[in-house]
Amino acid sequence: MSDDFKDAVRRKGSFGQTMRAVGWSFFGVRKSADYEKDVGQLNPVHVVIAAVIGVAVFIGVLLVLVNWVLASGVAK
């Protein structure tokens, strides 16, 4: 592993911070100052894990929504 990656993995950003940053990025709403702060603080491994969790939750919500619409009889 390169030294840059090792340094990035040692960053002390919390997983909660990472989840918030990934959540805001799903909506595409992020100030550039906050983005720069996140780049310097967040652990890239946490970002990948948070993104996978976020995608799973998003797909789950979509599945529930589609099943609810189909069960309601609106989409006949």
C-alpha atoms as a PDB file:
ATOM      1  CA  MET A   1       0.000   0.000   0.000  1.00  0.00           C
ATOM      2  CA  SER A   2       1.130   3.507  -0.669  1.00  0.00           C
ATOM      3  CA  ASP A   3       1.865   5.933   2.153  1.00  0.00           C
ATOM      4  CA  ASP A   4      -0.927   8.270   1.004  1.00  0.00           C
ATOM      5  CA  PHE A   5      -3.510   5.503   1.330  1.00  0.00           C
ATOM      6  CA  LYS A   6      -2.183   4.458   4.741  1.00  0.00           C
ATOM      7  CA  ASP A   7      -2.433   8.059   5.929  1.00  0.00           C
ATOM      8  CA  ALA A   8      -5.982   8.349   4.579  1.00  0.00           C
ATOM      9  CA  VAL A   9      -7.076   5.163   6.366  1.00  0.00           C
ATOM     10  CA  ARG A  10      -5.730   6.532   9.661  1.00  0.00           C
ATOM     11  CA  ARG A  11      -7.995   9.598   9.519  1.00  0.00           C
ATOM     12  CA  LYS A  12     -10.123  10.088  12.613  1.00  0.00           C
ATOM     13  CA  GLY A  13     -13.450  11.099  11.035  1.00  0.00           C
ATOM     14  CA  SER A  14     -16.342   9.329  12.758  1.00  0.00           C
ATOM     15  CA  PHE A  15     -18.627   6.904  10.966  1.00  0.00           C
ATOM     16  CA  GLY A  16     -21.567   9.204  11.749  1.00  0.00           C
ATOM     17  CA  GLN A  17     -19.819  12.073   9.963  1.00  0.00           C
ATOM     18  CA  THR A  18     -19.213   9.765   7.036  1.00  0.00           C
ATOM     19  CA  MET A  19     -22.880   8.677   6.873  1.00  0.00           C
ATOM     20  CA  ARG A  20     -23.989  12.330   6.872  1.00  0.00           C
ATOM     21  CA  ALA A  21     -21.538  13.219   4.099  1.00  0.00           C
ATOM     22  CA  VAL A  22     -22.622  10.252   1.972  1.00  0.00           C
ATOM     23  CA  GLY A  23     -26.292  11.052   2.617  1.00  0.00           C
ATOM     24  CA  TRP A  24     -25.864  14.642   1.469  1.00  0.00           C
ATOM     25  CA  SER A  25     -23.936  13.469  -1.572  1.00  0.00           C
ATOM     26  CA  PHE A  26     -26.880  11.237  -2.590  1.00  0.00           C
ATOM     27  CA  PHE A  27     -28.954  14.397  -2.840  1.00  0.00           C
ATOM     28  CA  GLY A  28     -26.158  16.304  -4.576  1.00  0.00           C
ATOM     29  CA  VAL A  29     -26.267  19.057  -1.976  1.00  0.00           C
ATOM     30  CA  ARG A  30     -22.871  19.848  -0.520  1.00  0.00           C
ATOM     31  CA  LYS A  31     -21.021  23.099   0.059  1.00  0.00           C
ATOM     32  CA  SER A  32     -17.514  23.105  -1.371  1.00  0.00           C
ATOM     33  CA  ALA A  33     -16.102  24.131   2.011  1.00  0.00           C
ATOM     34  CA  ASP A  34     -17.777  21.121   3.654  1.00  0.00           C
ATOM     35  CA  TYR A  35     -16.551  18.882   0.846  1.00  0.00           C
ATOM     36  CA  GLU A  36     -12.957  20.043   1.357  1.00  0.00           C
ATOM     37  CA  LYS A  37     -13.290  19.478   5.102  1.00  0.00           C
ATOM     38  CA  ASP A  38     -14.630  15.962   4.504  1.00  0.00           C
ATOM     39  CA  VAL A  39     -11.841  15.084   2.105  1.00  0.00           C
ATOM     40  CA  GLY A  40      -9.315  15.912   4.797  1.00  0.00           C
ATOM     41  CA  GLN A  41     -11.086  14.141   7.671  1.00  0.00           C
ATOM     42  CA  LEU A  42     -13.040  11.133   6.446  1.00  0.00           C
ATOM     43  CA  ASN A  43     -11.629   7.643   6.238  1.00  0.00           C
ATOM     44  CA  PRO A  44     -12.047   6.305   2.670  1.00  0.00           C
ATOM     45  CA  VAL A  45     -12.884   2.816   3.966  1.00  0.00           C
ATOM     46  CA  HIS A  46     -15.740   4.313   5.999  1.00  0.00           C
ATOM     47  CA  VAL A  47     -16.928   6.183   2.902  1.00  0.00           C
ATOM     48  CA  VAL A  48     -17.152   2.963   0.875  1.00  0.00           C
ATOM     49  CA  ILE A  49     -18.990   1.139   3.682  1.00  0.00           C
ATOM     50  CA  ALA A  50     -21.377   4.077   4.199  1.00  0.00           C
ATOM     51  CA  ALA A  51     -22.074   4.249   0.450  1.00  0.00           C
ATOM     52  CA  VAL A  52     -22.926   0.531   0.310  1.00  0.00           C
ATOM     53  CA  ILE A  53     -25.255   0.932   3.318  1.00  0.00           C
ATOM     54  CA  GLY A  54     -26.827   4.017   1.737  1.00  0.00           C
ATOM     55  CA  VAL A  55     -27.454   2.232  -1.556  1.00  0.00           C
ATOM     56  CA  ALA A  56     -28.985  -0.763   0.258  1.00  0.00           C
ATOM     57  CA  VAL A  57     -31.330   1.525   2.221  1.00  0.00           C
ATOM     58  CA  PHE A  58     -32.259   3.434  -0.942  1.00  0.00           C
ATOM     59  CA  ILE A  59     -33.097   0.222  -2.812  1.00  0.00           C
ATOM     60  CA  GLY A  60     -35.076  -1.046   0.182  1.00  0.00           C
ATOM     61  CA  VAL A  61     -37.125   2.162   0.318  1.00  0.00           C
ATOM     62  CA  LEU A  62     -37.818   1.947  -3.416  1.00  0.00           C
ATOM     63  CA  LEU A  63     -38.947  -1.676  -3.116  1.00  0.00           C
ATOM     64  CA  VAL A  64     -41.283  -0.845  -0.222  1.00  0.00           C
ATOM     65  CA  LEU A  65     -42.695   2.124  -2.134  1.00  0.00           C
ATOM     66  CA  VAL A  66     -43.308   0.107  -5.309  1.00  0.00           C
ATOM     67  CA  ASN A  67     -44.950  -2.735  -3.370  1.00  0.00           C
ATOM     68  CA  TRP A  68     -47.161  -0.248  -1.523  1.00  0.00           C
ATOM     69  CA  VAL A  69     -48.278   1.406  -4.775  1.00  0.00           C
ATOM     70  CA  LEU A  70     -48.978  -1.948  -6.418  1.00  0.00           C
ATOM     71  CA  ALA A  71     -50.899  -3.221  -3.372  1.00  0.00           C
ATOM     72  CA  SER A  72     -53.011  -0.066  -3.202  1.00  0.00           C
ATOM     73  CA  GLY A  73     -54.447  -0.786  -6.655  1.00  0.00           C
ATOM     74  CA  VAL A  74     -53.468   2.599  -8.088  1.00  0.00           C
ATOM     75  CA  ALA A  75     -51.163   1.069 -10.690  1.00  0.00           C
ATOM     76  CA  LYS A  76     -53.616  -1.287 -12.423  1.00  0.00           C
END
